[in-house]
């Protein structure tokens, strides 16, 4: 029997699962901490106050810090990649069950956030800021968890079904997972496309293209998909090519003007913030008008 105080820590995401390394310490008397849920207690021996072995939750905080500082033997399960995703899904479920704003949302009402978060991920990638990218990927993950929880409420599917569908796709389209040695990337890409074509069994090369994307991207996708399927490039209608060119030019021009507006707005914000006391022209509209009226050379 051990004479060293031992603390067995249970993972909050799966408290019913006891770490394998802890089994040897659970055969005698144990004390079960008040934070251990009933779902885990039913599988453990009765609690004996003052026992050398204590079972408690692996939850960061002063209590756990004190246990670690005491020099007791700590037995916990090794973390598994993806554990925090399980925790995130659990929190999403709790938010939904509280009956607040989350429970009023629909697939459609969240769609605008989904598109916005995707663009924010792209901005983070292009900026090279990995801290920002980590945060934005988390926001995008929230959309996956949220949409899955909405579907679960109707009995359509849940987040595990989403994961299962992805696992099935990855395994089926990645036969090299069952091989050893260096992967031939070109062969990997060919296998992916071949198996994807078999899965989808689409009647047309135009099938499966997201029609909700902006018109310019949609047109480019239709044209490129047709050309990849063997359609002669010179048979793509001239009107479509011309409108695509005009679309690209307009998008470039509009982006320049939008960025200029944002820059001038920030400058006007600064002038309003620096406005001395007693010089406020009056209304909010008046302050903005005064701040916006600057020399043309300052508006470049």
C-alpha atoms as a PDB file:
ATOM      1  CA  UNK A   1       0.000   0.000   0.000  1.00  0.00           C
ATOM      2  CA  UNK A   2       1.297   3.445  -0.868  1.00  0.00           C
ATOM      3  CA  UNK A   3       2.406   5.747   1.944  1.00  0.00           C
ATOM      4  CA  UNK A   4       2.822   8.757  -0.313  1.00  0.00           C
ATOM      5  CA  UNK A   5      -0.205  11.039  -0.663  1.00  0.00           C
ATOM      6  CA  UNK A   6      -1.559  10.495  -4.171  1.00  0.00           C
ATOM      7  CA  UNK A   7      -4.025  12.569  -6.133  1.00  0.00           C
ATOM      8  CA  UNK A   8      -5.846  11.050  -9.111  1.00  0.00           C
ATOM      9  CA  UNK A   9      -7.058  13.757 -11.460  1.00  0.00           C
ATOM     10  CA  UNK A  10     -10.088  13.123 -13.660  1.00  0.00           C
ATOM     11  CA  UNK A  11     -10.445  14.856 -17.025  1.00  0.00           C
ATOM     12  CA  UNK A  12     -13.434  17.282 -16.879  1.00  0.00           C
ATOM     13  CA  UNK A  13     -14.351  16.426 -20.491  1.00  0.00           C
ATOM     14  CA  UNK A  14     -14.750  12.729 -19.624  1.00  0.00           C
ATOM     15  CA  UNK A  15     -14.854  12.332 -15.815  1.00  0.00           C
ATOM     16  CA  UNK A  16     -16.186   8.779 -16.060  1.00  0.00           C
ATOM     17  CA  UNK A  17     -12.890   7.610 -17.589  1.00  0.00           C
ATOM     18  CA  UNK A  18     -10.224   6.758 -15.017  1.00  0.00           C
ATOM     19  CA  UNK A  19      -6.578   7.070 -16.159  1.00  0.00           C
ATOM     20  CA  UNK A  20      -5.047   3.614 -16.640  1.00  0.00           C
ATOM     21  CA  UNK A  21      -2.080   4.582 -14.462  1.00  0.00           C
ATOM     22  CA  UNK A  22      -4.485   5.313 -11.600  1.00  0.00           C
ATOM     23  CA  UNK A  23      -5.982   1.823 -11.315  1.00  0.00           C
ATOM     24  CA  UNK A  24      -3.273   0.624  -8.925  1.00  0.00           C
ATOM     25  CA  UNK A  25      -4.145   3.411  -6.480  1.00  0.00           C
ATOM     26  CA  UNK A  26      -7.911   2.817  -6.461  1.00  0.00           C
ATOM     27  CA  UNK A  27      -7.946  -0.647  -4.917  1.00  0.00           C
ATOM     28  CA  UNK A  28      -7.859   0.568  -1.310  1.00  0.00           C
ATOM     29  CA  UNK A  29      -9.341   3.453   0.596  1.00  0.00           C
ATOM     30  CA  UNK A  30      -9.826   6.686  -1.344  1.00  0.00           C
ATOM     31  CA  UNK A  31     -11.264  10.092  -0.608  1.00  0.00           C
ATOM     32  CA  UNK A  32     -13.468  11.569  -3.335  1.00  0.00           C
ATOM     33  CA  UNK A  33     -13.377  15.341  -3.638  1.00  0.00           C
ATOM     34  CA  UNK A  34     -16.687  17.204  -3.560  1.00  0.00           C
ATOM     35  CA  UNK A  35     -16.107  18.422  -7.130  1.00  0.00           C
ATOM     36  CA  UNK A  36     -16.280  14.925  -8.630  1.00  0.00           C
ATOM     37  CA  UNK A  37     -19.675  14.481 -10.363  1.00  0.00           C
ATOM     38  CA  UNK A  38     -22.066  11.692  -9.444  1.00  0.00           C
ATOM     39  CA  UNK A  39     -21.587  10.093 -12.876  1.00  0.00           C
ATOM     40  CA  UNK A  40     -17.985   9.337 -11.908  1.00  0.00           C
ATOM     41  CA  UNK A  41     -18.640   8.519  -8.236  1.00  0.00           C
ATOM     42  CA  UNK A  42     -20.842   5.536  -9.053  1.00  0.00           C
ATOM     43  CA  UNK A  43     -17.849   3.724 -10.594  1.00  0.00           C
ATOM     44  CA  UNK A  44     -15.502   4.421  -7.672  1.00  0.00           C
ATOM     45  CA  UNK A  45     -15.240   2.864  -4.178  1.00  0.00           C
ATOM     46  CA  UNK A  46     -16.950   4.662  -1.314  1.00  0.00           C
ATOM     47  CA  UNK A  47     -15.211   7.803  -0.133  1.00  0.00           C
ATOM     48  CA  UNK A  48     -13.123   7.559   3.047  1.00  0.00           C
ATOM     49  CA  UNK A  49     -12.201  10.929   4.568  1.00  0.00           C
ATOM     50  CA  UNK A  50      -8.481  11.283   5.228  1.00  0.00           C
ATOM     51  CA  UNK A  51      -7.422   8.491   2.851  1.00  0.00           C
ATOM     52  CA  UNK A  52      -3.983   8.799   1.310  1.00  0.00           C
ATOM     53  CA  UNK A  53      -5.459   8.648  -2.194  1.00  0.00           C
ATOM     54  CA  UNK A  54      -7.685  11.518  -3.291  1.00  0.00           C
ATOM     55  CA  UNK A  55      -9.727  11.658  -6.486  1.00  0.00           C
ATOM     56  CA  UNK A  56     -10.522  15.116  -7.791  1.00  0.00           C
ATOM     57  CA  UNK A  57     -11.193  16.954 -11.029  1.00  0.00           C
ATOM     58  CA  UNK A  58      -8.317  18.226 -13.139  1.00  0.00           C
ATOM     59  CA  UNK A  59      -9.611  21.803 -13.127  1.00  0.00           C
ATOM     60  CA  UNK A  60      -7.108  24.693 -13.058  1.00  0.00           C
ATOM     61  CA  UNK A  61      -7.413  26.902 -10.013  1.00  0.00           C
ATOM     62  CA  UNK A  62      -6.131  27.532  -6.462  1.00  0.00           C
ATOM     63  CA  UNK A  63      -7.165  24.109  -5.167  1.00  0.00           C
ATOM     64  CA  UNK A  64      -5.280  22.232  -7.873  1.00  0.00           C
ATOM     65  CA  UNK A  65      -2.306  24.558  -7.487  1.00  0.00           C
ATOM     66  CA  UNK A  66      -2.204  23.760  -3.747  1.00  0.00           C
ATOM     67  CA  UNK A  67      -2.288  20.017  -4.428  1.00  0.00           C
ATOM     68  CA  UNK A  68       0.584  20.237  -6.898  1.00  0.00           C
ATOM     69  CA  UNK A  69       2.591  22.446  -4.516  1.00  0.00           C
ATOM     70  CA  UNK A  70       2.076  19.958  -1.668  1.00  0.00           C
ATOM     71  CA  UNK A  71       4.394  17.448  -3.313  1.00  0.00           C
ATOM     72  CA  UNK A  72       1.726  14.744  -3.594  1.00  0.00           C
ATOM     73  CA  UNK A  73       2.052  12.160  -6.348  1.00  0.00           C
ATOM     74  CA  UNK A  74      -0.085  13.361  -9.260  1.00  0.00           C
ATOM     75  CA  UNK A  75      -1.725  10.786 -11.538  1.00  0.00           C
ATOM     76  CA  UNK A  76      -3.554  12.110 -14.573  1.00  0.00           C
ATOM     77  CA  UNK A  77      -4.324  10.962 -18.086  1.00  0.00           C
ATOM     78  CA  UNK A  78      -2.065  12.221 -20.824  1.00  0.00           C
ATOM     79  CA  UNK A  79      -3.796  14.923 -22.860  1.00  0.00           C
ATOM     80  CA  UNK A  80      -5.220  13.799 -26.196  1.00  0.00           C
ATOM     81  CA  UNK A  81      -5.076  16.077 -29.228  1.00  0.00           C
ATOM     82  CA  UNK A  82      -8.613  17.374 -29.672  1.00  0.00           C
ATOM     83  CA  UNK A  83      -9.591  17.309 -25.987  1.00  0.00           C
ATOM     84  CA  UNK A  84     -10.248  21.044 -26.025  1.00  0.00           C
ATOM     85  CA  UNK A  85     -12.558  20.581 -29.006  1.00  0.00           C
ATOM     86  CA  UNK A  86     -14.633  18.220 -26.883  1.00  0.00           C
ATOM     87  CA  UNK A  87     -14.720  20.869 -24.164  1.00  0.00           C
ATOM     88  CA  UNK A  88     -15.721  23.546 -26.692  1.00  0.00           C
ATOM     89  CA  UNK A  89     -18.598  21.377 -27.934  1.00  0.00           C
ATOM     90  CA  UNK A  90     -19.719  20.876 -24.329  1.00  0.00           C
ATOM     91  CA  UNK A  91     -19.719  24.622 -23.662  1.00  0.00           C
ATOM     92  CA  UNK A  92     -21.717  25.229 -26.854  1.00  0.00           C
ATOM     93  CA  UNK A  93     -24.267  22.699 -25.620  1.00  0.00           C
ATOM     94  CA  UNK A  94     -24.508  24.439 -22.242  1.00  0.00           C
ATOM     95  CA  UNK A  95     -25.025  27.816 -23.895  1.00  0.00           C
ATOM     96  CA  UNK A  96     -27.792  26.378 -26.051  1.00  0.00           C
ATOM     97  CA  UNK A  97     -29.548  24.783 -23.101  1.00  0.00           C
ATOM     98  CA  UNK A  98     -29.589  28.057 -21.145  1.00  0.00           C
ATOM     99  CA  UNK A  99     -32.262  29.311 -23.536  1.00  0.00           C
ATOM    100  CA  UNK A 100     -30.558  32.633 -24.268  1.00  0.00           C
ATOM    101  CA  UNK A 101     -29.639  34.330 -27.555  1.00  0.00           C
ATOM    102  CA  UNK A 102     -27.944  31.185 -28.848  1.00  0.00           C
ATOM    103  CA  UNK A 103     -31.143  29.138 -28.750  1.00  0.00           C
ATOM    104  CA  UNK A 104     -32.940  31.713 -30.930  1.00  0.00           C
ATOM    105  CA  UNK A 105     -30.534  31.386 -33.852  1.00  0.00           C
ATOM    106  CA  UNK A 106     -31.102  29.445 -37.065  1.00  0.00           C
ATOM    107  CA  UNK A 107     -28.857  28.130 -39.822  1.00  0.00           C
ATOM    108  CA  UNK A 108     -29.812  31.144 -41.914  1.00  0.00           C
ATOM    109  CA  UNK A 109     -29.393  33.797 -39.205  1.00  0.00           C
ATOM    110  CA  UNK A 110     -25.812  32.631 -38.589  1.00  0.00           C
ATOM    111  CA  UNK A 111     -24.866  32.537 -42.265  1.00  0.00           C
ATOM    112  CA  UNK A 112     -23.728  36.161 -42.347  1.00  0.00           C
ATOM    113  CA  UNK A 113     -21.347  35.514 -39.435  1.00  0.00           C
ATOM    114  CA  UNK A 114     -20.003  32.402 -41.136  1.00  0.00           C
ATOM    115  CA  UNK A 115     -19.021  34.360 -44.241  1.00  0.00           C
ATOM    116  CA  UNK A 116     -17.572  37.221 -42.185  1.00  0.00           C
ATOM    117  CA  UNK A 117     -15.487  34.894 -40.006  1.00  0.00           C
ATOM    118  CA  UNK A 118     -14.117  33.157 -43.102  1.00  0.00           C
ATOM    119  CA  UNK A 119     -12.890  36.475 -44.502  1.00  0.00           C
ATOM    120  CA  UNK A 120     -11.329  37.332 -41.136  1.00  0.00           C
ATOM    121  CA  UNK A 121      -9.403  34.044 -41.260  1.00  0.00           C
ATOM    122  CA  UNK A 122      -8.157  35.029 -44.735  1.00  0.00           C
ATOM    123  CA  UNK A 123      -7.059  38.445 -43.429  1.00  0.00           C
ATOM    124  CA  UNK A 124      -5.140  36.774 -40.599  1.00  0.00           C
ATOM    125  CA  UNK A 125      -3.405  34.405 -43.028  1.00  0.00           C
ATOM    126  CA  UNK A 126      -2.387  37.264 -45.302  1.00  0.00           C
ATOM    127  CA  UNK A 127      -1.149  39.362 -42.378  1.00  0.00           C
ATOM    128  CA  UNK A 128       1.126  36.554 -41.195  1.00  0.00           C
ATOM    129  CA  UNK A 129      -0.018  37.115 -37.594  1.00  0.00           C
ATOM    130  CA  UNK A 130      -0.279  33.573 -36.199  1.00  0.00           C
ATOM    131  CA  UNK A 131      -1.791  34.730 -32.899  1.00  0.00           C
ATOM    132  CA  UNK A 132      -4.563  36.444 -34.833  1.00  0.00           C
ATOM    133  CA  UNK A 133      -4.956  33.367 -37.038  1.00  0.00           C
ATOM    134  CA  UNK A 134      -5.402  31.139 -33.988  1.00  0.00           C
ATOM    135  CA  UNK A 135      -8.155  33.402 -32.659  1.00  0.00           C
ATOM    136  CA  UNK A 136      -9.941  33.683 -35.991  1.00  0.00           C
ATOM    137  CA  UNK A 137      -9.850  29.917 -36.536  1.00  0.00           C
ATOM    138  CA  UNK A 138     -11.503  29.598 -33.131  1.00  0.00           C
ATOM    139  CA  UNK A 139     -14.267  31.963 -34.260  1.00  0.00           C
ATOM    140  CA  UNK A 140     -14.724  29.881 -37.406  1.00  0.00           C
ATOM    141  CA  UNK A 141     -14.842  26.699 -35.309  1.00  0.00           C
ATOM    142  CA  UNK A 142     -17.585  28.296 -33.224  1.00  0.00           C
ATOM    143  CA  UNK A 143     -19.686  28.526 -36.373  1.00  0.00           C
ATOM    144  CA  UNK A 144     -19.253  24.782 -36.968  1.00  0.00           C
ATOM    145  CA  UNK A 145     -20.216  23.977 -33.370  1.00  0.00           C
ATOM    146  CA  UNK A 146     -23.147  26.415 -33.470  1.00  0.00           C
ATOM    147  CA  UNK A 147     -24.576  25.138 -36.770  1.00  0.00           C
ATOM    148  CA  UNK A 148     -24.193  21.555 -35.521  1.00  0.00           C
ATOM    149  CA  UNK A 149     -26.019  22.336 -32.264  1.00  0.00           C
ATOM    150  CA  UNK A 150     -28.912  23.898 -34.187  1.00  0.00           C
ATOM    151  CA  UNK A 151     -29.172  20.756 -36.322  1.00  0.00           C
ATOM    152  CA  UNK A 152     -29.046  18.603 -33.184  1.00  0.00           C
ATOM    153  CA  UNK A 153     -32.064  20.448 -31.780  1.00  0.00           C
ATOM    154  CA  UNK A 154     -34.118  19.282 -34.767  1.00  0.00           C
ATOM    155  CA  UNK A 155     -32.770  15.733 -34.708  1.00  0.00           C
ATOM    156  CA  UNK A 156     -31.035  16.145 -38.085  1.00  0.00           C
ATOM    157  CA  UNK A 157     -27.437  15.550 -36.950  1.00  0.00           C
ATOM    158  CA  UNK A 158     -24.979  16.595 -34.244  1.00  0.00           C
ATOM    159  CA  UNK A 159     -21.328  17.603 -34.049  1.00  0.00           C
ATOM    160  CA  UNK A 160     -20.219  13.955 -33.810  1.00  0.00           C
ATOM    161  CA  UNK A 161     -22.022  13.213 -37.069  1.00  0.00           C
ATOM    162  CA  UNK A 162     -20.129  16.111 -38.664  1.00  0.00           C
ATOM    163  CA  UNK A 163     -16.863  14.673 -37.369  1.00  0.00           C
ATOM    164  CA  UNK A 164     -17.784  11.178 -38.542  1.00  0.00           C
ATOM    165  CA  UNK A 165     -18.568  12.451 -42.056  1.00  0.00           C
ATOM    166  CA  UNK A 166     -15.189  14.193 -42.209  1.00  0.00           C
ATOM    167  CA  UNK A 167     -13.351  11.107 -40.943  1.00  0.00           C
ATOM    168  CA  UNK A 168     -15.043   8.925 -43.533  1.00  0.00           C
ATOM    169  CA  UNK A 169     -14.129  11.363 -46.308  1.00  0.00           C
ATOM    170  CA  UNK A 170     -10.501  11.701 -45.216  1.00  0.00           C
ATOM    171  CA  UNK A 171      -9.983   7.950 -44.960  1.00  0.00           C
ATOM    172  CA  UNK A 172     -11.737   7.138 -48.222  1.00  0.00           C
ATOM    173  CA  UNK A 173      -9.911   9.795 -50.240  1.00  0.00           C
ATOM    174  CA  UNK A 174      -6.507   9.191 -48.649  1.00  0.00           C
ATOM    175  CA  UNK A 175      -5.463   5.604 -49.434  1.00  0.00           C
ATOM    176  CA  UNK A 176      -1.847   6.558 -48.655  1.00  0.00           C
ATOM    177  CA  UNK A 177      -2.814   6.518 -44.955  1.00  0.00           C
ATOM    178  CA  UNK A 178      -2.469   2.732 -45.165  1.00  0.00           C
ATOM    179  CA  UNK A 179       0.986   2.842 -46.776  1.00  0.00           C
ATOM    180  CA  UNK A 180       4.456   3.550 -45.463  1.00  0.00           C
ATOM    181  CA  UNK A 181       7.282   5.644 -46.836  1.00  0.00           C
ATOM    182  CA  UNK A 182       7.281   9.023 -48.577  1.00  0.00           C
ATOM    183  CA  UNK A 183       4.018  10.151 -50.118  1.00  0.00           C
ATOM    184  CA  UNK A 184       3.995  11.039 -53.828  1.00  0.00           C
ATOM    185  CA  UNK A 185       2.099  14.331 -53.713  1.00  0.00           C
ATOM    186  CA  UNK A 186       1.073  14.259 -57.379  1.00  0.00           C
ATOM    187  CA  UNK A 187      -0.300  10.732 -56.973  1.00  0.00           C
ATOM    188  CA  UNK A 188      -2.023  11.773 -53.762  1.00  0.00           C
ATOM    189  CA  UNK A 189      -3.801  14.634 -55.547  1.00  0.00           C
ATOM    190  CA  UNK A 190      -4.841  12.393 -58.448  1.00  0.00           C
ATOM    191  CA  UNK A 191      -6.218   9.784 -56.059  1.00  0.00           C
ATOM    192  CA  UNK A 192      -8.161  12.443 -54.133  1.00  0.00           C
ATOM    193  CA  UNK A 193      -9.798  13.818 -57.278  1.00  0.00           C
ATOM    194  CA  UNK A 194     -10.543  10.347 -58.671  1.00  0.00           C
ATOM    195  CA  UNK A 195     -12.149   9.111 -55.470  1.00  0.00           C
ATOM    196  CA  UNK A 196     -14.031  12.391 -55.073  1.00  0.00           C
ATOM    197  CA  UNK A 197     -15.476  11.965 -58.570  1.00  0.00           C
ATOM    198  CA  UNK A 198     -16.593   8.430 -57.722  1.00  0.00           C
ATOM    199  CA  UNK A 199     -18.208   9.611 -54.473  1.00  0.00           C
ATOM    200  CA  UNK A 200     -20.088  12.509 -55.998  1.00  0.00           C
ATOM    201  CA  UNK A 201     -21.054  10.808 -59.288  1.00  0.00           C
ATOM    202  CA  UNK A 202     -22.091  14.188 -60.664  1.00  0.00           C
ATOM    203  CA  UNK A 203     -24.013  14.333 -63.920  1.00  0.00           C
ATOM    204  CA  UNK A 204     -22.359  17.603 -64.954  1.00  0.00           C
ATOM    205  CA  UNK A 205     -19.068  19.404 -64.376  1.00  0.00           C
ATOM    206  CA  UNK A 206     -21.221  22.358 -63.315  1.00  0.00           C
ATOM    207  CA  UNK A 207     -22.662  20.438 -60.353  1.00  0.00           C
ATOM    208  CA  UNK A 208     -21.325  20.980 -56.847  1.00  0.00           C
ATOM    209  CA  UNK A 209     -20.281  24.615 -57.298  1.00  0.00           C
ATOM    210  CA  UNK A 210     -21.387  26.910 -54.476  1.00  0.00           C
ATOM    211  CA  UNK A 211     -23.807  29.330 -56.121  1.00  0.00           C
ATOM    212  CA  UNK A 212     -23.961  31.545 -53.004  1.00  0.00           C
ATOM    213  CA  UNK A 213     -20.482  32.942 -53.690  1.00  0.00           C
ATOM    214  CA  UNK A 214     -20.078  36.415 -55.258  1.00  0.00           C
ATOM    215  CA  UNK A 215     -21.058  36.575 -58.934  1.00  0.00           C
ATOM    216  CA  UNK A 216     -17.515  37.173 -60.173  1.00  0.00           C
ATOM    217  CA  UNK A 217     -16.116  34.177 -58.322  1.00  0.00           C
ATOM    218  CA  UNK A 218     -19.083  32.105 -59.451  1.00  0.00           C
ATOM    219  CA  UNK A 219     -18.506  32.956 -63.114  1.00  0.00           C
ATOM    220  CA  UNK A 220     -14.790  32.219 -62.843  1.00  0.00           C
ATOM    221  CA  UNK A 221     -15.517  28.897 -61.159  1.00  0.00           C
ATOM    222  CA  UNK A 222     -18.018  27.826 -63.829  1.00  0.00           C
ATOM    223  CA  UNK A 223     -15.594  28.752 -66.612  1.00  0.00           C
ATOM    224  CA  UNK A 224     -12.543  27.115 -65.016  1.00  0.00           C
ATOM    225  CA  UNK A 225     -14.493  23.948 -64.152  1.00  0.00           C
ATOM    226  CA  UNK A 226     -15.685  23.679 -67.776  1.00  0.00           C
ATOM    227  CA  UNK A 227     -12.165  24.169 -69.155  1.00  0.00           C
ATOM    228  CA  UNK A 228     -10.745  21.561 -66.762  1.00  0.00           C
ATOM    229  CA  UNK A 229     -13.399  19.150 -68.047  1.00  0.00           C
ATOM    230  CA  UNK A 230     -12.143  19.660 -71.630  1.00  0.00           C
ATOM    231  CA  UNK A 231     -14.375  22.494 -72.808  1.00  0.00           C
ATOM    232  CA  UNK A 232     -12.466  24.653 -75.383  1.00  0.00           C
ATOM    233  CA  UNK A 233     -11.431  27.936 -73.799  1.00  0.00           C
ATOM    234  CA  UNK A 234     -12.274  29.904 -76.938  1.00  0.00           C
ATOM    235  CA  UNK A 235     -15.893  28.722 -76.682  1.00  0.00           C
ATOM    236  CA  UNK A 236     -16.423  30.493 -73.364  1.00  0.00           C
ATOM    237  CA  UNK A 237     -18.866  33.251 -74.417  1.00  0.00           C
ATOM    238  CA  UNK A 238     -17.222  36.596 -75.168  1.00  0.00           C
ATOM    239  CA  UNK A 239     -19.933  38.371 -73.171  1.00  0.00           C
ATOM    240  CA  UNK A 240     -19.080  36.337 -70.096  1.00  0.00           C
ATOM    241  CA  UNK A 241     -15.353  37.061 -70.497  1.00  0.00           C
ATOM    242  CA  UNK A 242     -16.024  40.777 -70.982  1.00  0.00           C
ATOM    243  CA  UNK A 243     -18.269  41.032 -67.935  1.00  0.00           C
ATOM    244  CA  UNK A 244     -15.709  39.122 -65.875  1.00  0.00           C
ATOM    245  CA  UNK A 245     -13.011  41.602 -66.907  1.00  0.00           C
ATOM    246  CA  UNK A 246     -15.307  44.516 -66.040  1.00  0.00           C
ATOM    247  CA  UNK A 247     -16.161  42.864 -62.716  1.00  0.00           C
ATOM    248  CA  UNK A 248     -12.484  42.490 -61.806  1.00  0.00           C
ATOM    249  CA  UNK A 249     -11.782  46.111 -62.732  1.00  0.00           C
ATOM    250  CA  UNK A 250     -14.766  47.350 -60.729  1.00  0.00           C
ATOM    251  CA  UNK A 251     -13.814  45.219 -57.734  1.00  0.00           C
ATOM    252  CA  UNK A 252     -10.269  46.604 -57.791  1.00  0.00           C
ATOM    253  CA  UNK A 253     -11.526  50.186 -58.061  1.00  0.00           C
ATOM    254  CA  UNK A 254     -14.148  49.692 -55.369  1.00  0.00           C
ATOM    255  CA  UNK A 255     -11.584  48.158 -53.008  1.00  0.00           C
ATOM    256  CA  UNK A 256      -9.302  51.193 -53.463  1.00  0.00           C
ATOM    257  CA  UNK A 257     -12.168  53.587 -52.727  1.00  0.00           C
ATOM    258  CA  UNK A 258     -13.341  51.562 -49.717  1.00  0.00           C
ATOM    259  CA  UNK A 259      -9.843  51.526 -48.196  1.00  0.00           C
ATOM    260  CA  UNK A 260      -9.482  55.274 -48.850  1.00  0.00           C
ATOM    261  CA  UNK A 261     -12.796  55.907 -47.086  1.00  0.00           C
ATOM    262  CA  UNK A 262     -11.686  53.813 -44.086  1.00  0.00           C
ATOM    263  CA  UNK A 263      -8.379  55.719 -43.892  1.00  0.00           C
ATOM    264  CA  UNK A 264     -10.112  59.105 -44.013  1.00  0.00           C
ATOM    265  CA  UNK A 265     -12.633  57.957 -41.419  1.00  0.00           C
ATOM    266  CA  UNK A 266      -9.824  57.019 -39.002  1.00  0.00           C
ATOM    267  CA  UNK A 267      -8.243  60.435 -39.543  1.00  0.00           C
ATOM    268  CA  UNK A 268     -11.568  62.171 -38.830  1.00  0.00           C
ATOM    269  CA  UNK A 269     -11.995  60.056 -35.689  1.00  0.00           C
ATOM    270  CA  UNK A 270      -8.653  61.350 -34.477  1.00  0.00           C
ATOM    271  CA  UNK A 271      -9.621  64.972 -35.118  1.00  0.00           C
ATOM    272  CA  UNK A 272     -12.864  64.543 -33.158  1.00  0.00           C
ATOM    273  CA  UNK A 273     -11.012  62.889 -30.272  1.00  0.00           C
ATOM    274  CA  UNK A 274      -8.471  65.756 -30.200  1.00  0.00           C
ATOM    275  CA  UNK A 275     -11.163  68.480 -30.329  1.00  0.00           C
ATOM    276  CA  UNK A 276     -10.514  70.824 -27.324  1.00  0.00           C
ATOM    277  CA  UNK A 277     -13.249  71.342 -24.772  1.00  0.00           C
ATOM    278  CA  UNK A 278     -15.696  74.062 -25.751  1.00  0.00           C
ATOM    279  CA  UNK A 279     -15.120  73.769 -29.491  1.00  0.00           C
ATOM    280  CA  UNK A 280     -17.782  71.150 -30.158  1.00  0.00           C
ATOM    281  CA  UNK A 281     -19.938  72.486 -33.061  1.00  0.00           C
ATOM    282  CA  UNK A 282     -22.997  70.905 -31.460  1.00  0.00           C
ATOM    283  CA  UNK A 283     -24.635  67.857 -32.922  1.00  0.00           C
ATOM    284  CA  UNK A 284     -22.831  64.619 -33.702  1.00  0.00           C
ATOM    285  CA  UNK A 285     -23.489  65.237 -37.404  1.00  0.00           C
ATOM    286  CA  UNK A 286     -21.983  68.692 -37.075  1.00  0.00           C
ATOM    287  CA  UNK A 287     -18.826  67.363 -35.451  1.00  0.00           C
ATOM    288  CA  UNK A 288     -18.371  64.772 -38.178  1.00  0.00           C
ATOM    289  CA  UNK A 289     -18.969  67.318 -40.920  1.00  0.00           C
ATOM    290  CA  UNK A 290     -16.352  69.664 -39.449  1.00  0.00           C
ATOM    291  CA  UNK A 291     -13.853  66.833 -38.981  1.00  0.00           C
ATOM    292  CA  UNK A 292     -14.407  65.513 -42.504  1.00  0.00           C
ATOM    293  CA  UNK A 293     -13.921  68.877 -44.242  1.00  0.00           C
ATOM    294  CA  UNK A 294     -10.120  68.810 -44.629  1.00  0.00           C
ATOM    295  CA  UNK A 295      -7.842  70.055 -47.391  1.00  0.00           C
ATOM    296  CA  UNK A 296      -7.779  67.866 -50.479  1.00  0.00           C
ATOM    297  CA  UNK A 297      -4.037  67.190 -50.079  1.00  0.00           C
ATOM    298  CA  UNK A 298      -4.744  65.688 -46.621  1.00  0.00           C
ATOM    299  CA  UNK A 299      -7.420  63.421 -48.094  1.00  0.00           C
ATOM    300  CA  UNK A 300      -5.025  61.351 -50.220  1.00  0.00           C
END
